[in-house]
Amino acid sequence: MDSWGLLSATLPSIMSALAIAGLGKIYGKLETIEEHRREIARQAAEEKEALRNGVCAMLRNNILHVCKKYIARREKPLYEVNNVERMYEAYHMLGGNGSVTRMVELFDQLPISVDDAKRD
């Protein structure tokens, strides 16, 4: 067999080997990209959870502060009724538990302050 015959006989094998090697490198790069994407998604999920927890804690603190303030006064201004209601709804939507429910129930039972009633 001459050199051209040898080359033409082995060329398909060489091309297949090169193609397989090239595909292996591409697959390796794709795996690296996918691992990086998963890491970014994991970090984003952790950040989202931290933000949710932080906002939930701030809402809880604010709800308790407002409720305690007006429970001590034994009356509430009208503008705080809507504020507490909206904070309480957001608190629960973010996964807050029922630990502030009793405080909000006590707040809800308070009468509207006389000064606020005169403004309406």
N, C-alpha and C. Protein backbone atom coordinates (compact mmCIF):
# COMPACT_ATOMS: atom_id res chain seq x y z
N MET A 1 0.86 -1.16 0.00
CA MET A 1 0.00 0.00 0.00
C MET A 1 0.91 1.23 0.00
N ASP A 2 0.63 2.14 -0.90
CA ASP A 2 1.44 3.36 -0.95
C ASP A 2 1.02 4.31 0.17
N SER A 3 1.76 5.42 0.31
CA SER A 3 1.50 6.35 1.41
C SER A 3 0.13 7.01 1.28
N TRP A 4 -0.32 7.25 0.00
CA TRP A 4 -1.65 7.83 -0.19
C TRP A 4 -2.73 6.86 0.24
N GLY A 5 -2.55 5.64 -0.06
CA GLY A 5 -3.51 4.60 0.32
C GLY A 5 -3.56 4.45 1.84
N LEU A 6 -2.39 4.49 2.46
CA LEU A 6 -2.32 4.39 3.92
C LEU A 6 -3.01 5.59 4.55
N LEU A 7 -2.74 6.78 4.01
CA LEU A 7 -3.36 7.99 4.55
C LEU A 7 -4.87 7.97 4.36
N SER A 8 -5.32 7.58 3.17
CA SER A 8 -6.77 7.55 2.92
C SER A 8 -7.45 6.48 3.78
N ALA A 9 -6.72 5.42 4.14
CA ALA A 9 -7.31 4.38 4.99
C ALA A 9 -7.38 4.82 6.45
N THR A 10 -6.39 5.58 6.90
CA THR A 10 -6.36 5.98 8.30
C THR A 10 -7.00 7.34 8.55
N LEU A 11 -7.22 8.12 7.52
CA LEU A 11 -7.79 9.46 7.67
C LEU A 11 -9.14 9.45 8.38
N PRO A 12 -10.08 8.55 8.03
CA PRO A 12 -11.36 8.54 8.76
C PRO A 12 -11.17 8.27 10.26
N SER A 13 -10.25 7.39 10.61
CA SER A 13 -10.00 7.10 12.02
C SER A 13 -9.42 8.31 12.73
N ILE A 14 -8.49 9.00 12.05
CA ILE A 14 -7.89 10.20 12.64
C ILE A 14 -8.96 11.28 12.82
N MET A 15 -9.79 11.48 11.81
CA MET A 15 -10.85 12.49 11.89
C MET A 15 -11.83 12.16 13.01
N SER A 16 -12.18 10.89 13.16
CA SER A 16 -13.09 10.47 14.23
C SER A 16 -12.47 10.74 15.59
N ALA A 17 -11.19 10.41 15.74
CA ALA A 17 -10.50 10.63 17.01
C ALA A 17 -10.46 12.12 17.35
N LEU A 18 -10.15 12.95 16.35
CA LEU A 18 -10.12 14.41 16.57
C LEU A 18 -11.50 14.95 16.92
N ALA A 19 -12.52 14.45 16.25
CA ALA A 19 -13.89 14.89 16.53
C ALA A 19 -14.29 14.51 17.93
N ILE A 20 -13.96 13.29 18.34
CA ILE A 20 -14.30 12.83 19.69
C ILE A 20 -13.55 13.66 20.73
N ALA A 21 -12.28 13.94 20.48
CA ALA A 21 -11.51 14.77 21.41
C ALA A 21 -12.10 16.17 21.49
N GLY A 22 -12.47 16.74 20.35
CA GLY A 22 -13.07 18.08 20.33
C GLY A 22 -14.39 18.11 21.06
N LEU A 23 -15.22 17.09 20.84
CA LEU A 23 -16.50 17.01 21.54
C LEU A 23 -16.30 16.86 23.05
N GLY A 24 -15.28 16.11 23.43
CA GLY A 24 -14.97 15.95 24.85
C GLY A 24 -14.62 17.29 25.50
N LYS A 25 -13.83 18.10 24.78
CA LYS A 25 -13.47 19.42 25.31
C LYS A 25 -14.70 20.32 25.41
N ILE A 26 -15.54 20.28 24.38
CA ILE A 26 -16.76 21.09 24.39
C ILE A 26 -17.66 20.66 25.54
N TYR A 27 -17.81 19.35 25.73
CA TYR A 27 -18.63 18.83 26.82
C TYR A 27 -18.07 19.29 28.16
N GLY A 28 -16.75 19.24 28.32
CA GLY A 28 -16.11 19.69 29.56
C GLY A 28 -16.39 21.16 29.83
N LYS A 29 -16.31 21.98 28.79
CA LYS A 29 -16.61 23.42 28.93
C LYS A 29 -18.07 23.62 29.33
N LEU A 30 -18.97 22.86 28.69
CA LEU A 30 -20.39 22.97 29.02
C LEU A 30 -20.65 22.57 30.46
N GLU A 31 -19.97 21.55 30.93
CA GLU A 31 -20.12 21.14 32.34
C GLU A 31 -19.66 22.25 33.27
N THR A 32 -18.54 22.89 32.94
CA THR A 32 -18.02 23.98 33.76
C THR A 32 -19.01 25.15 33.78
N ILE A 33 -19.55 25.49 32.63
CA ILE A 33 -20.53 26.57 32.54
C ILE A 33 -21.77 26.24 33.37
N GLU A 34 -22.23 25.01 33.28
CA GLU A 34 -23.42 24.59 34.04
C GLU A 34 -23.15 24.63 35.55
N GLU A 35 -21.98 24.20 35.97
CA GLU A 35 -21.63 24.27 37.39
C GLU A 35 -21.61 25.71 37.87
N HIS A 36 -21.08 26.60 37.05
CA HIS A 36 -21.04 28.03 37.39
C HIS A 36 -22.46 28.59 37.47
N ARG A 37 -23.32 28.21 36.54
CA ARG A 37 -24.71 28.67 36.55
C ARG A 37 -25.43 28.20 37.81
N ARG A 38 -25.20 26.93 38.20
CA ARG A 38 -25.82 26.40 39.41
C ARG A 38 -25.34 27.15 40.65
N GLU A 39 -24.05 27.49 40.71
CA GLU A 39 -23.50 28.22 41.85
C GLU A 39 -24.11 29.62 41.93
N ILE A 40 -24.26 30.28 40.80
CA ILE A 40 -24.89 31.61 40.79
C ILE A 40 -26.34 31.51 41.25
N ALA A 41 -27.06 30.50 40.78
CA ALA A 41 -28.45 30.31 41.19
C ALA A 41 -28.55 30.01 42.68
N ARG A 42 -27.62 29.23 43.21
CA ARG A 42 -27.62 28.93 44.65
C ARG A 42 -27.38 30.19 45.46
N GLN A 43 -26.41 31.00 45.04
CA GLN A 43 -26.12 32.26 45.73
C GLN A 43 -27.31 33.21 45.68
N ALA A 44 -27.96 33.29 44.52
CA ALA A 44 -29.13 34.16 44.38
C ALA A 44 -30.26 33.70 45.30
N ALA A 45 -30.45 32.40 45.41
CA ALA A 45 -31.49 31.87 46.30
C ALA A 45 -31.17 32.18 47.76
N GLU A 46 -29.91 32.08 48.13
CA GLU A 46 -29.50 32.41 49.50
C GLU A 46 -29.72 33.89 49.80
N GLU A 47 -29.37 34.74 48.83
CA GLU A 47 -29.58 36.18 49.01
C GLU A 47 -31.07 36.51 49.13
N LYS A 48 -31.88 35.87 48.30
CA LYS A 48 -33.32 36.09 48.35
C LYS A 48 -33.87 35.68 49.70
N GLU A 49 -33.43 34.56 50.21
CA GLU A 49 -33.89 34.07 51.52
C GLU A 49 -33.45 35.03 52.63
N ALA A 50 -32.23 35.54 52.54
CA ALA A 50 -31.75 36.49 53.54
C ALA A 50 -32.56 37.78 53.51
N LEU A 51 -32.87 38.26 52.32
CA LEU A 51 -33.69 39.47 52.20
C LEU A 51 -35.10 39.22 52.75
N ARG A 52 -35.67 38.07 52.42
CA ARG A 52 -37.00 37.73 52.93
C ARG A 52 -37.00 37.69 54.45
N ASN A 53 -36.00 37.03 55.01
CA ASN A 53 -35.91 36.94 56.47
C ASN A 53 -35.71 38.31 57.11
N GLY A 54 -34.88 39.14 56.49
CA GLY A 54 -34.63 40.47 57.03
C GLY A 54 -35.87 41.34 57.01
N VAL A 55 -36.59 41.35 55.89
CA VAL A 55 -37.81 42.15 55.79
C VAL A 55 -38.85 41.62 56.77
N CYS A 56 -38.95 40.31 56.87
CA CYS A 56 -39.90 39.70 57.80
C CYS A 56 -39.59 40.12 59.25
N ALA A 57 -38.32 40.12 59.60
CA ALA A 57 -37.93 40.52 60.96
C ALA A 57 -38.23 41.99 61.21
N MET A 58 -37.98 42.84 60.22
CA MET A 58 -38.29 44.27 60.38
C MET A 58 -39.79 44.51 60.51
N LEU A 59 -40.57 43.79 59.70
CA LEU A 59 -42.02 43.92 59.81
C LEU A 59 -42.51 43.47 61.19
N ARG A 60 -42.00 42.34 61.63
CA ARG A 60 -42.38 41.81 62.95
C ARG A 60 -42.06 42.83 64.03
N ASN A 61 -40.86 43.37 64.00
CA ASN A 61 -40.44 44.35 65.00
C ASN A 61 -41.34 45.59 64.96
N ASN A 62 -41.63 46.07 63.77
CA ASN A 62 -42.45 47.27 63.65
C ASN A 62 -43.89 47.02 64.09
N ILE A 63 -44.45 45.87 63.72
CA ILE A 63 -45.81 45.53 64.14
C ILE A 63 -45.89 45.49 65.66
N LEU A 64 -44.95 44.78 66.28
CA LEU A 64 -44.96 44.67 67.73
C LEU A 64 -44.78 46.02 68.40
N HIS A 65 -43.90 46.83 67.87
CA HIS A 65 -43.66 48.17 68.45
C HIS A 65 -44.93 49.02 68.40
N VAL A 66 -45.57 49.08 67.24
CA VAL A 66 -46.78 49.89 67.08
C VAL A 66 -47.90 49.36 67.97
N CYS A 67 -48.11 48.04 67.94
CA CYS A 67 -49.19 47.46 68.75
C CYS A 67 -48.98 47.71 70.24
N LYS A 68 -47.77 47.48 70.73
CA LYS A 68 -47.50 47.72 72.15
C LYS A 68 -47.72 49.17 72.54
N LYS A 69 -47.30 50.07 71.68
CA LYS A 69 -47.44 51.52 71.94
C LYS A 69 -48.91 51.89 72.15
N TYR A 70 -49.76 51.43 71.24
CA TYR A 70 -51.17 51.83 71.33
C TYR A 70 -51.97 50.98 72.31
N ILE A 71 -51.56 49.77 72.55
CA ILE A 71 -52.22 48.97 73.60
C ILE A 71 -51.98 49.65 74.94
N ALA A 72 -50.77 50.17 75.15
CA ALA A 72 -50.47 50.88 76.40
C ALA A 72 -51.33 52.15 76.52
N ARG A 73 -51.63 52.80 75.42
CA ARG A 73 -52.46 54.03 75.42
C ARG A 73 -53.96 53.71 75.48
N ARG A 74 -54.30 52.47 75.23
CA ARG A 74 -55.67 51.98 75.23
C ARG A 74 -56.55 52.60 74.14
N GLU A 75 -55.95 53.12 73.11
CA GLU A 75 -56.66 53.60 71.93
C GLU A 75 -55.65 53.70 70.78
N LYS A 76 -56.18 53.78 69.57
CA LYS A 76 -55.30 53.81 68.40
C LYS A 76 -55.76 54.89 67.43
N PRO A 77 -54.81 55.51 66.76
CA PRO A 77 -55.22 56.47 65.72
C PRO A 77 -55.68 55.71 64.47
N LEU A 78 -56.57 56.31 63.76
CA LEU A 78 -57.14 55.67 62.58
C LEU A 78 -56.08 55.32 61.54
N TYR A 79 -55.09 56.19 61.34
CA TYR A 79 -54.07 55.93 60.32
C TYR A 79 -53.24 54.68 60.62
N GLU A 80 -53.10 54.33 61.89
CA GLU A 80 -52.31 53.14 62.24
C GLU A 80 -53.05 51.84 61.95
N VAL A 81 -54.38 51.89 61.88
CA VAL A 81 -55.15 50.68 61.60
C VAL A 81 -54.73 50.10 60.25
N ASN A 82 -54.71 50.93 59.23
CA ASN A 82 -54.32 50.47 57.89
C ASN A 82 -52.85 50.06 57.86
N ASN A 83 -52.01 50.82 58.53
CA ASN A 83 -50.58 50.49 58.55
C ASN A 83 -50.33 49.10 59.14
N VAL A 84 -50.93 48.84 60.28
CA VAL A 84 -50.74 47.54 60.95
C VAL A 84 -51.30 46.42 60.08
N GLU A 85 -52.47 46.66 59.50
CA GLU A 85 -53.09 45.64 58.65
C GLU A 85 -52.18 45.28 57.47
N ARG A 86 -51.65 46.28 56.80
CA ARG A 86 -50.79 46.05 55.63
C ARG A 86 -49.47 45.37 56.04
N MET A 87 -48.89 45.80 57.14
CA MET A 87 -47.65 45.17 57.60
C MET A 87 -47.89 43.71 57.97
N TYR A 88 -49.01 43.46 58.65
CA TYR A 88 -49.34 42.10 59.09
C TYR A 88 -49.55 41.18 57.88
N GLU A 89 -50.26 41.66 56.86
CA GLU A 89 -50.46 40.86 55.65
C GLU A 89 -49.13 40.55 54.96
N ALA A 90 -48.28 41.55 54.83
CA ALA A 90 -46.97 41.35 54.20
C ALA A 90 -46.12 40.39 55.03
N TYR A 91 -46.17 40.54 56.34
CA TYR A 91 -45.43 39.66 57.25
C TYR A 91 -45.79 38.20 57.00
N HIS A 92 -47.07 37.92 56.90
CA HIS A 92 -47.49 36.54 56.67
C HIS A 92 -47.19 36.06 55.25
N MET A 93 -47.30 36.95 54.26
CA MET A 93 -46.96 36.57 52.89
C MET A 93 -45.49 36.20 52.76
N LEU A 94 -44.65 36.81 53.58
CA LEU A 94 -43.22 36.51 53.55
C LEU A 94 -42.85 35.31 54.40
N GLY A 95 -43.85 34.68 55.01
CA GLY A 95 -43.58 33.47 55.78
C GLY A 95 -43.53 33.68 57.27
N GLY A 96 -43.91 34.86 57.73
CA GLY A 96 -43.92 35.11 59.17
C GLY A 96 -44.92 34.18 59.84
N ASN A 97 -44.57 33.76 61.03
CA ASN A 97 -45.47 32.84 61.74
C ASN A 97 -46.51 33.62 62.53
N GLY A 98 -47.27 32.95 63.31
CA GLY A 98 -48.36 33.58 64.05
C GLY A 98 -47.96 34.20 65.37
N SER A 99 -46.69 34.44 65.57
CA SER A 99 -46.25 34.94 66.88
C SER A 99 -46.74 36.35 67.19
N VAL A 100 -47.09 37.12 66.19
CA VAL A 100 -47.58 38.48 66.44
C VAL A 100 -49.11 38.55 66.35
N THR A 101 -49.74 37.45 66.05
CA THR A 101 -51.18 37.44 65.85
C THR A 101 -51.93 37.94 67.08
N ARG A 102 -51.57 37.46 68.23
CA ARG A 102 -52.28 37.87 69.46
C ARG A 102 -52.12 39.38 69.69
N MET A 103 -50.95 39.90 69.42
CA MET A 103 -50.72 41.33 69.62
C MET A 103 -51.59 42.13 68.65
N VAL A 104 -51.69 41.70 67.41
CA VAL A 104 -52.53 42.38 66.42
C VAL A 104 -54.01 42.26 66.80
N GLU A 105 -54.40 41.12 67.32
CA GLU A 105 -55.79 40.96 67.77
C GLU A 105 -56.12 41.95 68.88
N LEU A 106 -55.20 42.12 69.83
CA LEU A 106 -55.41 43.10 70.90
C LEU A 106 -55.46 44.52 70.34
N PHE A 107 -54.60 44.82 69.39
CA PHE A 107 -54.60 46.13 68.74
C PHE A 107 -55.93 46.37 68.03
N ASP A 108 -56.43 45.37 67.33
CA ASP A 108 -57.69 45.49 66.59
C ASP A 108 -58.87 45.80 67.51
N GLN A 109 -58.81 45.34 68.74
CA GLN A 109 -59.91 45.56 69.68
C GLN A 109 -59.91 46.98 70.26
N LEU A 110 -58.84 47.72 70.09
CA LEU A 110 -58.76 49.07 70.66
C LEU A 110 -59.73 50.01 69.95
N PRO A 111 -60.28 50.96 70.68
CA PRO A 111 -61.12 51.97 70.02
C PRO A 111 -60.24 52.98 69.27
N ILE A 112 -60.85 53.63 68.28
CA ILE A 112 -60.16 54.70 67.55
C ILE A 112 -60.09 55.89 68.49
N SER A 113 -58.95 56.56 68.52
CA SER A 113 -58.80 57.70 69.43
C SER A 113 -59.80 58.80 69.07
N VAL A 114 -60.27 59.49 70.10
CA VAL A 114 -61.29 60.52 69.95
C VAL A 114 -60.82 61.63 69.02
N ASP A 115 -59.56 62.04 69.13
CA ASP A 115 -59.03 63.09 68.27
C ASP A 115 -59.12 62.70 66.81
N ASP A 116 -58.87 61.44 66.50
CA ASP A 116 -58.95 60.97 65.11
C ASP A 116 -60.40 60.91 64.65
N ALA A 117 -61.30 60.55 65.54
CA ALA A 117 -62.71 60.45 65.17
C ALA A 117 -63.26 61.83 64.81
N LYS A 118 -62.78 62.87 65.46
CA LYS A 118 -63.26 64.23 65.19
C LYS A 118 -62.79 64.71 63.81
N ARG A 119 -61.64 64.20 63.33
CA ARG A 119 -61.09 64.63 62.05
C ARG A 119 -61.90 64.10 60.88
N ASP A 120 -62.62 63.00 61.05
CA ASP A 120 -63.36 62.38 59.93
C ASP A 120 -64.57 63.13 59.56
